[in-house]
Amino acid sequence: MSNPTTPFSWQMPTATDLVTDLPADFEVFGQAVATSMADLLGGASGYILSKASATDMDFAWIANDQGDITGITATTPLTGGGSSGAITVGIQDALTTQKGAVQLSDSTSTTSSILAATPTAVKSAFDTATTANTTANAAIPKSTVTTNGDVIYATGSSAVTRLGIGSAGQVLTVAAGVPSWATAASGGGLTLLETITFNNTVTTYTSATIAGTYKNLRIVGQGLQEGGTAAGEINLRFNGDTGSNYQYAFVRNTNATLVGRPTSGAATSSIVTCQSLALSADTSIRFGQIQITIPLYSGANYKSINYQCSDNSGGQSNNGAGGGTWNNTAAITSITFIEGNSANFKAGSLKIYGES
């Protein structure tokens, strides 16, 4: 038997050996084949044959866990992946800067920015926010306040109380250890109640924002001009009273020449002031001015009015002073300003102050 070999090193008999040594040669040949094929023996049910190494005929039986997947590519928030061997795939933790797996939390006090609230935590927060203000950590219900301007103050470490809005001109003070509203102490201070700005659109304007919480009213007019062709006055009417309940008198001078005006008696529907409105055509910045004082405007007596006024337009200066009476005991709650020549108020402003 010669030793020719196959790719698998199997010894093959020669033609001569086939006559003289056939049994022995086939035994050698068969043993070589058996040795080469040994790795192909066995294998459990369902196993598959896998190459064990680069050596010829070196195989091994392995579990059939390969499936049809040839590779796994993981993208954020998944991690891992691969195309061979045992492949592991995971998921990264969620952060405020990246997507990922989130851990749940029942806490309602944590400051974590990577935990997610459970329904239990949300329900706890809701119950706290809607519980009446009898616990230390409870929220303040909206129902505690009922009116615009209400104030809430503490009445202990775990309770609050509503303080209703005060009246116009009142100040917030403390009495018996808690806040309260009170009339401002006297001292001659002025509180601005309203500013009226004219723009040539009205012949009358009514202020209805006058509260009765002050001693006196002061009205200051600046830069006043009318829309008519003649300089005129501002007339005053109180509480919408158009009856013959007003008296007035004033004196004025024009370019230093005294001009008198008699008392009109109780026959007018408003109090007429002296000239305080500049001409419409005048372009001077020296328009009319007026200052009016109404003392004890909310008292039970007839109301007296004192005023000073002036204008400088049309080449002449007008200055005057006067006063009047409203024969009514009602508190003044509104004042109507009337342009004396039935024209529009073209420019200027009036400021109404309450005097303590």
Protein backbone atom coordinates (compact mmCIF):
# COMPACT_ATOMS: atom_id res chain seq x y z
CA MET A 1 0.00 0.00 0.00
CA SER A 2 1.46 3.29 -1.09
CA ASN A 3 0.62 6.55 0.66
CA PRO A 4 -1.15 8.78 -1.80
CA THR A 5 -3.39 11.19 0.19
CA THR A 6 -6.67 12.95 -0.32
CA PRO A 7 -7.33 16.51 0.84
CA PHE A 8 -8.38 14.94 4.16
CA SER A 9 -5.16 12.76 4.54
CA TRP A 10 -6.95 9.57 3.84
CA GLN A 11 -4.44 6.82 2.69
CA MET A 12 -5.53 5.21 -0.57
CA PRO A 13 -4.47 1.60 -1.74
CA THR A 14 -2.67 1.14 -5.05
CA ALA A 15 -3.97 -1.08 -7.80
CA THR A 16 -1.53 -3.88 -6.80
CA ASP A 17 -2.68 -3.70 -3.19
CA LEU A 18 -6.22 -4.22 -4.31
CA VAL A 19 -5.13 -7.84 -5.26
CA THR A 20 -2.72 -8.72 -2.52
CA ASP A 21 -3.65 -6.68 0.62
CA LEU A 22 -7.21 -5.51 0.03
CA PRO A 23 -8.65 -6.22 3.49
CA ALA A 24 -5.82 -4.55 5.36
CA ASP A 25 -5.65 -1.56 3.06
CA PHE A 26 -9.37 -0.91 3.38
CA GLU A 27 -9.05 -1.15 7.12
CA VAL A 28 -6.39 1.60 7.09
CA PHE A 29 -8.49 3.67 4.72
CA GLY A 30 -11.61 3.23 6.80
CA GLN A 31 -9.83 4.17 10.01
CA ALA A 32 -8.63 7.41 8.45
CA VAL A 33 -12.13 8.25 7.28
CA ALA A 34 -13.57 7.46 10.70
CA THR A 35 -10.97 9.68 12.40
CA SER A 36 -11.70 12.60 10.07
CA MET A 37 -15.47 12.28 10.48
CA ALA A 38 -15.41 11.85 14.26
CA ASP A 39 -16.55 15.48 14.87
CA LEU A 40 -19.65 14.87 12.80
CA LEU A 41 -20.91 12.22 15.19
CA GLY A 42 -23.61 12.89 17.78
CA GLY A 43 -25.26 16.23 18.40
CA ALA A 44 -28.48 16.73 20.35
CA SER A 45 -31.81 17.15 18.67
CA GLY A 46 -32.12 20.60 17.13
CA TYR A 47 -28.38 21.32 17.31
CA ILE A 48 -26.55 22.58 14.26
CA LEU A 49 -23.03 21.93 12.98
CA SER A 50 -20.58 24.77 13.40
CA LYS A 51 -16.93 25.13 12.35
CA ALA A 52 -14.79 24.84 15.46
CA SER A 53 -11.49 26.04 14.01
CA ALA A 54 -9.64 26.57 10.74
CA THR A 55 -8.39 22.95 10.82
CA ASP A 56 -9.85 20.68 8.12
CA MET A 57 -12.85 18.69 9.22
CA ASP A 58 -12.89 20.38 12.67
CA PHE A 59 -16.59 20.84 13.52
CA ALA A 60 -18.71 21.10 16.66
CA TRP A 61 -22.40 20.76 17.42
CA ILE A 62 -24.00 23.90 18.93
CA ALA A 63 -27.51 24.92 20.04
CA ASN A 64 -29.56 26.42 17.23
CA ASP A 65 -29.78 29.95 18.73
CA GLN A 66 -28.64 31.85 15.66
CA GLY A 67 -32.08 32.54 14.17
CA ASP A 68 -32.35 34.64 11.04
CA ILE A 69 -30.66 37.80 12.47
CA THR A 70 -27.24 38.57 11.10
CA GLY A 71 -26.59 41.68 13.19
CA ILE A 72 -28.14 44.24 15.56
CA THR A 73 -27.43 47.98 15.32
CA ALA A 74 -28.36 49.95 18.45
CA THR A 75 -29.14 53.69 18.37
CA THR A 76 -29.91 56.07 21.25
CA PRO A 77 -31.32 55.33 23.75
CA LEU A 78 -30.34 51.65 23.10
CA THR A 79 -26.77 50.49 23.76
CA GLY A 80 -24.74 47.47 22.64
CA GLY A 81 -25.49 45.48 19.50
CA GLY A 82 -23.24 43.57 17.09
CA SER A 83 -23.22 41.01 14.29
CA SER A 84 -21.55 37.96 15.88
CA GLY A 85 -21.41 36.03 19.13
CA ALA A 86 -23.74 36.63 22.05
CA ILE A 87 -25.15 40.11 21.48
CA THR A 88 -26.18 42.30 24.44
CA VAL A 89 -28.57 45.22 24.02
CA GLY A 90 -29.32 47.68 26.82
CA ILE A 91 -30.91 51.11 27.34
CA GLN A 92 -29.18 54.17 28.77
CA ASP A 93 -30.50 56.12 31.76
CA ALA A 94 -32.67 59.12 30.93
CA LEU A 95 -31.19 62.51 31.76
CA THR A 96 -32.31 66.03 31.03
CA THR A 97 -29.72 65.98 28.25
CA GLN A 98 -30.49 62.55 26.74
CA LYS A 99 -33.30 60.12 26.09
CA GLY A 100 -33.38 56.83 27.99
CA ALA A 101 -34.95 54.65 30.67
CA VAL A 102 -36.79 56.56 33.41
CA GLN A 103 -37.13 55.48 37.02
CA LEU A 104 -40.51 56.12 38.64
CA SER A 105 -40.85 57.81 42.02
CA ASP A 106 -43.73 58.26 44.46
CA SER A 107 -42.02 61.24 46.11
CA THR A 108 -43.68 64.67 46.15
CA SER A 109 -40.65 66.41 47.65
CA THR A 110 -37.70 65.19 45.57
CA THR A 111 -35.74 67.75 43.57
CA SER A 112 -34.44 65.13 41.13
CA SER A 113 -34.50 66.02 37.45
CA ILE A 114 -34.18 62.40 36.24
CA LEU A 115 -37.05 60.71 38.12
CA ALA A 116 -40.62 60.55 36.80
CA ALA A 117 -43.69 61.01 39.00
CA THR A 118 -46.11 58.13 39.40
CA PRO A 119 -49.90 58.57 39.58
CA THR A 120 -49.46 58.13 43.35
CA ALA A 121 -47.20 61.20 43.50
CA VAL A 122 -49.51 63.23 41.26
CA LYS A 123 -52.55 62.30 43.40
CA SER A 124 -50.70 63.28 46.56
CA ALA A 125 -49.78 66.67 45.09
CA PHE A 126 -53.37 67.20 43.92
CA ASP A 127 -54.78 66.37 47.34
CA THR A 128 -52.36 68.83 48.98
CA ALA A 129 -53.29 71.58 46.53
CA THR A 130 -57.03 71.15 47.05
CA THR A 131 -57.13 70.55 50.81
CA ALA A 132 -58.59 73.32 52.97
CA ASN A 133 -55.89 75.44 54.57
CA THR A 134 -55.79 73.55 57.85
CA THR A 135 -52.52 71.70 57.40
CA ALA A 136 -49.02 73.10 57.45
CA ASN A 137 -48.21 72.15 53.87
CA ALA A 138 -51.61 72.75 52.27
CA ALA A 139 -52.08 75.20 49.41
CA ILE A 140 -54.36 78.23 49.71
CA PRO A 141 -57.66 77.56 47.92
CA LYS A 142 -58.87 80.10 45.36
CA SER A 143 -62.15 80.30 47.27
CA THR A 144 -60.34 82.12 50.09
CA VAL A 145 -60.54 85.34 48.08
CA THR A 146 -63.79 86.55 46.55
CA THR A 147 -63.27 90.14 45.37
CA ASN A 148 -60.71 92.04 43.33
CA GLY A 149 -58.20 93.57 45.71
CA ASP A 150 -58.65 91.06 48.55
CA VAL A 151 -55.60 90.45 50.73
CA ILE A 152 -54.63 87.17 52.42
CA TYR A 153 -52.70 87.14 55.71
CA ALA A 154 -51.53 84.40 58.07
CA THR A 155 -53.38 83.61 61.29
CA GLY A 156 -50.88 81.12 62.63
CA SER A 157 -48.42 78.67 61.12
CA SER A 158 -51.03 76.67 59.20
CA ALA A 159 -53.99 78.94 58.47
CA VAL A 160 -54.76 82.05 56.44
CA THR A 161 -57.56 84.60 56.45
CA ARG A 162 -59.04 86.90 53.83
CA LEU A 163 -59.01 90.67 54.35
CA GLY A 164 -61.55 92.27 52.02
CA ILE A 165 -60.56 95.24 49.90
CA GLY A 166 -60.82 98.59 51.67
CA SER A 167 -62.43 101.80 50.49
CA ALA A 168 -60.77 104.33 48.20
CA GLY A 169 -58.22 106.39 50.09
CA GLN A 170 -57.92 103.98 53.02
CA VAL A 171 -54.53 102.70 54.10
CA LEU A 172 -53.44 99.28 55.35
CA THR A 173 -52.59 99.34 59.03
CA VAL A 174 -52.27 96.92 61.95
CA ALA A 175 -54.83 96.65 64.74
CA ALA A 176 -54.85 93.98 67.48
CA GLY A 177 -51.97 92.21 65.79
CA VAL A 178 -53.59 91.75 62.38
CA PRO A 179 -53.78 93.96 59.28
CA SER A 180 -56.84 96.10 58.64
CA TRP A 181 -57.97 99.02 56.53
CA ALA A 182 -58.30 102.47 58.08
CA THR A 183 -58.76 106.07 57.03
CA ALA A 184 -55.43 107.76 56.56
CA ALA A 185 -54.35 109.96 59.44
CA SER A 186 -54.95 113.64 58.91
CA GLY A 187 -52.03 115.73 57.85
CA GLY A 188 -53.04 117.55 54.71
CA GLY A 189 -51.72 114.92 52.33
CA LEU A 190 -53.12 114.75 48.80
CA THR A 191 -54.15 111.54 47.06
CA LEU A 192 -54.57 111.64 43.29
CA LEU A 193 -58.02 110.22 42.49
CA GLU A 194 -58.22 110.78 38.73
CA THR A 195 -56.44 112.44 35.83
CA ILE A 196 -58.59 113.75 32.96
CA THR A 197 -56.86 114.53 29.66
CA PHE A 198 -58.73 116.48 26.97
CA ASN A 199 -58.19 115.92 23.21
CA ASN A 200 -60.90 117.99 21.46
CA THR A 201 -63.54 115.22 21.59
CA VAL A 202 -65.93 116.19 24.43
CA THR A 203 -67.87 119.25 25.59
CA THR A 204 -68.52 117.68 29.00
CA TYR A 205 -66.75 115.15 31.17
CA THR A 206 -68.08 113.48 34.32
CA SER A 207 -65.86 112.04 37.03
CA ALA A 208 -67.72 109.37 39.00
CA THR A 209 -64.78 108.01 41.01
CA ILE A 210 -65.05 110.28 44.04
CA ALA A 211 -65.13 108.42 47.35
CA GLY A 212 -66.32 110.17 50.52
CA THR A 213 -63.25 109.27 52.59
CA TYR A 214 -61.40 112.61 52.45
CA LYS A 215 -61.96 115.98 54.06
CA ASN A 216 -61.65 118.20 51.01
CA LEU A 217 -61.35 117.95 47.23
CA ARG A 218 -58.80 119.84 45.19
CA ILE A 219 -58.95 120.11 41.40
CA VAL A 220 -55.99 121.42 39.42
CA GLY A 221 -56.23 122.24 35.70
CA GLN A 222 -53.20 122.90 33.49
CA GLY A 223 -52.66 123.83 29.84
CA LEU A 224 -56.40 124.26 29.21
CA GLN A 225 -57.67 125.29 25.79
CA GLU A 226 -61.09 125.23 24.21
CA GLY A 227 -62.13 124.34 20.66
CA GLY A 228 -64.28 127.45 20.08
CA THR A 229 -63.48 130.92 18.81
CA ALA A 230 -63.67 132.72 22.15
CA ALA A 231 -61.94 132.13 25.43
CA GLY A 232 -64.28 130.64 27.99
CA GLU A 233 -64.90 129.10 31.38
CA ILE A 234 -65.18 125.68 32.95
CA ASN A 235 -68.56 125.18 34.60
CA LEU A 236 -69.14 122.71 37.45
CA ARG A 237 -72.14 120.46 38.11
CA PHE A 238 -72.43 118.02 41.02
CA ASN A 239 -74.12 114.59 41.15
CA GLY A 240 -75.83 115.28 37.81
CA ASP A 241 -78.04 117.98 39.39
CA THR A 242 -79.33 120.23 36.55
CA GLY A 243 -81.75 122.19 38.74
CA SER A 244 -81.48 125.83 39.79
CA ASN A 245 -79.47 125.00 42.89
CA TYR A 246 -76.23 126.85 42.17
CA GLN A 247 -75.00 130.34 43.04
CA TYR A 248 -71.69 131.89 42.02
CA ALA A 249 -69.77 135.16 41.81
CA PHE A 250 -66.28 136.10 40.69
CA VAL A 251 -64.09 139.02 39.71
CA ARG A 252 -61.39 139.08 37.08
CA ASN A 253 -59.04 141.48 35.38
CA THR A 254 -58.02 141.68 31.74
CA ASN A 255 -54.61 143.19 31.09
CA ALA A 256 -54.75 144.71 34.60
CA THR A 257 -58.25 146.20 34.01
CA LEU A 258 -60.71 145.03 36.67
CA VAL A 259 -63.90 143.46 35.35
CA GLY A 260 -66.66 142.62 37.82
CA ARG A 261 -69.41 140.05 37.47
CA PRO A 262 -72.49 140.09 39.70
CA THR A 263 -73.82 137.11 41.61
CA SER A 264 -76.27 135.16 39.45
CA GLY A 265 -78.47 133.99 42.28
CA ALA A 266 -80.05 130.54 42.48
CA ALA A 267 -81.03 130.40 38.86
CA THR A 268 -78.27 128.49 37.15
CA SER A 269 -77.77 124.79 36.43
CA SER A 270 -74.04 124.88 37.21
CA ILE A 271 -71.37 127.00 38.86
CA VAL A 272 -69.54 129.23 36.39
CA THR A 273 -65.87 129.88 37.00
CA CYS A 274 -63.85 132.82 35.76
CA GLN A 275 -62.06 132.61 32.42
CA SER A 276 -59.72 129.59 32.39
CA LEU A 277 -59.74 128.32 28.76
CA ALA A 278 -57.42 129.75 26.10
CA LEU A 279 -58.59 130.45 22.55
CA SER A 280 -58.67 127.54 20.13
CA ALA A 281 -56.56 129.40 17.56
CA ASP A 282 -53.88 130.38 20.03
CA THR A 283 -50.61 128.45 19.65
CA SER A 284 -49.03 129.72 22.83
CA ILE A 285 -48.00 127.24 25.50
CA ARG A 286 -49.38 129.69 28.11
CA PHE A 287 -52.86 128.18 28.11
CA GLY A 288 -55.38 128.36 30.93
CA GLN A 289 -54.91 127.25 34.53
CA ILE A 290 -57.43 126.69 37.33
CA GLN A 291 -57.38 125.57 40.96
CA ILE A 292 -60.61 124.60 42.71
CA THR A 293 -61.13 123.73 46.39
CA ILE A 294 -64.29 122.03 47.68
CA PRO A 295 -64.07 121.79 51.51
CA LEU A 296 -66.07 119.19 53.44
CA TYR A 297 -67.50 117.85 50.18
CA SER A 298 -69.06 114.80 51.86
CA GLY A 299 -70.59 116.65 54.81
CA ALA A 300 -74.28 117.30 55.43
CA ASN A 301 -74.19 121.07 54.79
CA TYR A 302 -74.47 123.08 51.58
CA LYS A 303 -71.27 122.78 49.59
CA SER A 304 -69.08 125.81 48.99
CA ILE A 305 -66.56 126.11 46.15
CA ASN A 306 -63.56 128.43 45.89
CA TYR A 307 -61.40 128.83 42.82
CA GLN A 308 -58.66 130.81 41.12
CA CYS A 309 -58.14 130.79 37.37
CA SER A 310 -56.19 132.47 34.60
CA ASP A 311 -55.39 132.25 30.91
CA ASN A 312 -52.99 134.06 28.64
CA SER A 313 -54.01 133.95 25.00
CA GLY A 314 -55.07 136.17 22.16
CA GLY A 315 -52.61 138.80 23.25
CA GLN A 316 -54.15 139.40 26.65
CA SER A 317 -53.90 138.08 30.17
CA ASN A 318 -57.01 137.14 32.19
CA ASN A 319 -56.84 136.43 35.91
CA GLY A 320 -59.64 135.98 38.40
CA ALA A 321 -60.99 134.42 41.57
CA GLY A 322 -64.43 133.50 42.76
CA GLY A 323 -66.64 131.01 44.45
CA GLY A 324 -70.03 129.47 44.55
CA THR A 325 -72.49 127.33 46.46
CA TRP A 326 -74.37 124.13 45.69
CA ASN A 327 -77.54 124.29 47.72
CA ASN A 328 -77.65 120.59 48.50
CA THR A 329 -76.71 118.57 51.60
CA ALA A 330 -75.80 115.37 49.71
CA ALA A 331 -72.19 114.22 49.58
CA ILE A 332 -70.52 115.03 46.27
CA THR A 333 -69.89 111.73 44.48
CA SER A 334 -69.52 112.98 40.90
CA ILE A 335 -68.47 116.19 39.17
CA THR A 336 -69.34 117.17 35.61
CA PHE A 337 -67.03 119.65 33.88
CA ILE A 338 -68.79 121.69 31.15
CA GLU A 339 -67.13 123.83 28.47
CA GLY A 340 -68.77 127.26 28.91
CA ASN A 341 -69.08 128.07 25.18
CA SER A 342 -70.57 124.68 24.18
CA ALA A 343 -67.37 123.85 22.34
CA ASN A 344 -65.01 120.93 22.89
CA PHE A 345 -62.27 120.85 25.45
CA LYS A 346 -59.35 121.00 23.01
CA ALA A 347 -56.32 120.46 25.25
CA GLY A 348 -55.09 120.32 28.82
CA SER A 349 -55.73 118.13 31.84
CA LEU A 350 -57.55 118.14 35.15
CA LYS A 351 -56.30 116.28 38.22
CA ILE A 352 -58.68 115.52 41.08
CA TYR A 353 -57.11 115.06 44.53
CA GLY A 354 -58.53 113.93 47.85
CA GLU A 355 -57.14 115.92 50.78
CA SER A 356 -56.82 114.19 54.16
